[in-house]
Amino acid sequence: MFLVVFRNRKRPDMDAAAYSADAARMEELAQAQPGFISFKSYVAEDGEVIALSEWASAEAAHGWGRHADHATVQRRGREAYYDSYTLYTADNPRTHQFERQPA
C-alpha cells in the first residue's frame, strides 16, 4: 500500500464554488484510476485540511499524479486555491489495526 497525505490551507479569497467543483471531479477521476483504494478529507477547527489517499502501489499513486486533468487542477490549486500545502508519501507504511469484536 502507498499512502499520500495532502496537508493544506486554502486562500481566504478563493472561489469556493470552483474549488468544490474541481475537488469533486478530481475525486471522481481518482476513484477510476488503477490502484485507487480510498480517499478521505478532514478539516480542523483552524481551517487546515488533511486529505488521505491510499493506493495499491507507488506506481499507481504516481500515475494519478501525472494524470493530465489532475495536473491542470494542481496548477490551478497553486495559482488560485491554496495559501500553502505539504505533500507526504509513504510506501508500505507501518500499520497497526484494532477492530472491536461484537459481544
Protein backbone atom coordinates (compact mmCIF):
# COMPACT_ATOMS: atom_id res chain seq x y z
CA MET A 1 0.00 0.00 0.00
CA PHE A 2 1.11 3.55 -0.76
CA LEU A 3 -0.20 6.42 1.37
CA VAL A 4 -0.46 10.07 0.29
CA VAL A 5 -1.16 12.79 2.86
CA PHE A 6 -2.00 16.22 1.48
CA ARG A 7 -1.96 18.87 4.21
CA ASN A 8 -3.18 22.29 3.12
CA ARG A 9 -4.58 25.70 3.91
CA LYS A 10 -6.93 27.40 1.49
CA ARG A 11 -6.73 31.05 0.44
CA PRO A 12 -9.43 33.14 2.14
CA ASP A 13 -10.24 34.83 -1.19
CA MET A 14 -10.53 31.65 -3.29
CA ASP A 15 -13.58 30.85 -5.38
CA ALA A 16 -15.18 28.19 -3.14
CA ALA A 17 -17.64 27.03 -5.81
CA ALA A 18 -14.86 26.50 -8.37
CA TYR A 19 -12.75 24.67 -5.78
CA SER A 20 -15.67 22.39 -4.83
CA ALA A 21 -16.34 21.55 -8.48
CA ASP A 22 -12.67 20.78 -9.11
CA ALA A 23 -12.40 18.70 -5.92
CA ALA A 24 -15.48 16.64 -6.78
CA ARG A 25 -14.20 16.00 -10.31
CA MET A 26 -10.74 15.01 -9.04
CA GLU A 27 -12.21 12.57 -6.52
CA GLU A 28 -14.33 11.02 -9.28
CA LEU A 29 -11.32 10.69 -11.59
CA ALA A 30 -9.05 9.35 -8.85
CA GLN A 31 -11.55 6.62 -7.97
CA ALA A 32 -11.44 5.44 -11.59
CA GLN A 33 -7.63 5.15 -11.62
CA PRO A 34 -5.96 1.73 -11.48
CA GLY A 35 -4.73 1.05 -7.95
CA PHE A 36 -7.01 3.53 -6.17
CA ILE A 37 -8.07 2.25 -2.73
CA SER A 38 -9.61 5.14 -0.78
CA PHE A 39 -9.81 8.88 -0.20
CA LYS A 40 -10.92 10.88 2.85
CA SER A 41 -10.56 14.51 3.82
CA TYR A 42 -10.72 16.16 7.25
CA VAL A 43 -10.94 19.82 8.23
CA ALA A 44 -9.50 21.02 11.55
CA GLU A 45 -11.08 23.77 13.64
CA ASP A 46 -8.39 26.19 12.47
CA GLY A 47 -9.20 25.51 8.80
CA GLU A 48 -6.28 23.26 7.98
CA VAL A 49 -7.23 20.30 5.78
CA ILE A 50 -5.74 16.81 5.79
CA ALA A 51 -6.58 14.66 2.76
CA LEU A 52 -5.56 11.00 2.79
CA SER A 53 -5.46 8.76 -0.24
CA GLU A 54 -4.46 5.12 -0.33
CA TRP A 55 -3.10 3.44 -3.44
CA ALA A 56 -2.15 -0.14 -4.24
CA SER A 57 1.41 0.94 -5.11
CA ALA A 58 3.72 3.89 -5.57
CA GLU A 59 3.36 3.44 -9.33
CA ALA A 60 -0.44 3.80 -9.08
CA ALA A 61 -0.15 6.97 -6.98
CA HIS A 62 2.45 8.45 -9.32
CA GLY A 63 0.24 7.61 -12.29
CA TRP A 64 -2.53 9.64 -10.70
CA GLY A 65 -0.07 12.47 -10.10
CA ARG A 66 0.72 12.52 -13.84
CA HIS A 67 -2.92 12.38 -15.00
CA ALA A 68 -3.41 15.35 -17.36
CA ASP A 69 -6.62 16.65 -15.75
CA HIS A 70 -5.12 16.27 -12.29
CA ALA A 71 -2.01 18.19 -13.34
CA THR A 72 -4.19 21.03 -14.66
CA VAL A 73 -6.10 21.28 -11.37
CA GLN A 74 -2.85 21.08 -9.38
CA ARG A 75 -1.62 24.18 -11.23
CA ARG A 76 -4.93 25.93 -10.58
CA GLY A 77 -4.59 24.99 -6.91
CA ARG A 78 -1.21 26.69 -6.63
CA GLU A 79 -2.46 29.76 -8.50
CA ALA A 80 -5.94 30.21 -7.00
CA TYR A 81 -6.86 27.85 -4.13
CA TYR A 82 -4.00 27.28 -1.68
CA ASP A 83 -2.07 29.51 0.67
CA SER A 84 0.19 26.56 1.44
CA TYR A 85 0.40 22.80 1.27
CA THR A 86 2.69 19.91 2.11
CA LEU A 87 2.54 16.51 0.45
CA TYR A 88 3.75 13.47 2.36
CA THR A 89 4.09 9.98 0.88
CA ALA A 90 4.86 6.62 2.42
CA ASP A 91 5.45 3.31 0.70
CA ASN A 92 4.21 0.37 2.77
CA PRO A 93 3.64 2.44 5.92
CA ARG A 94 3.81 0.64 9.21
CA THR A 95 0.22 -0.20 10.10
CA HIS A 96 -1.46 -1.20 13.35
CA GLN A 97 -5.13 -2.10 13.39
CA PHE A 98 -7.76 -2.72 16.03
CA GLU A 99 -11.35 -3.72 15.49
CA ARG A 100 -13.72 -4.39 18.35
CA GLN A 101 -15.48 -7.71 18.03
CA PRO A 102 -19.25 -7.84 18.64
CA ALA A 103 -20.15 -9.01 22.14
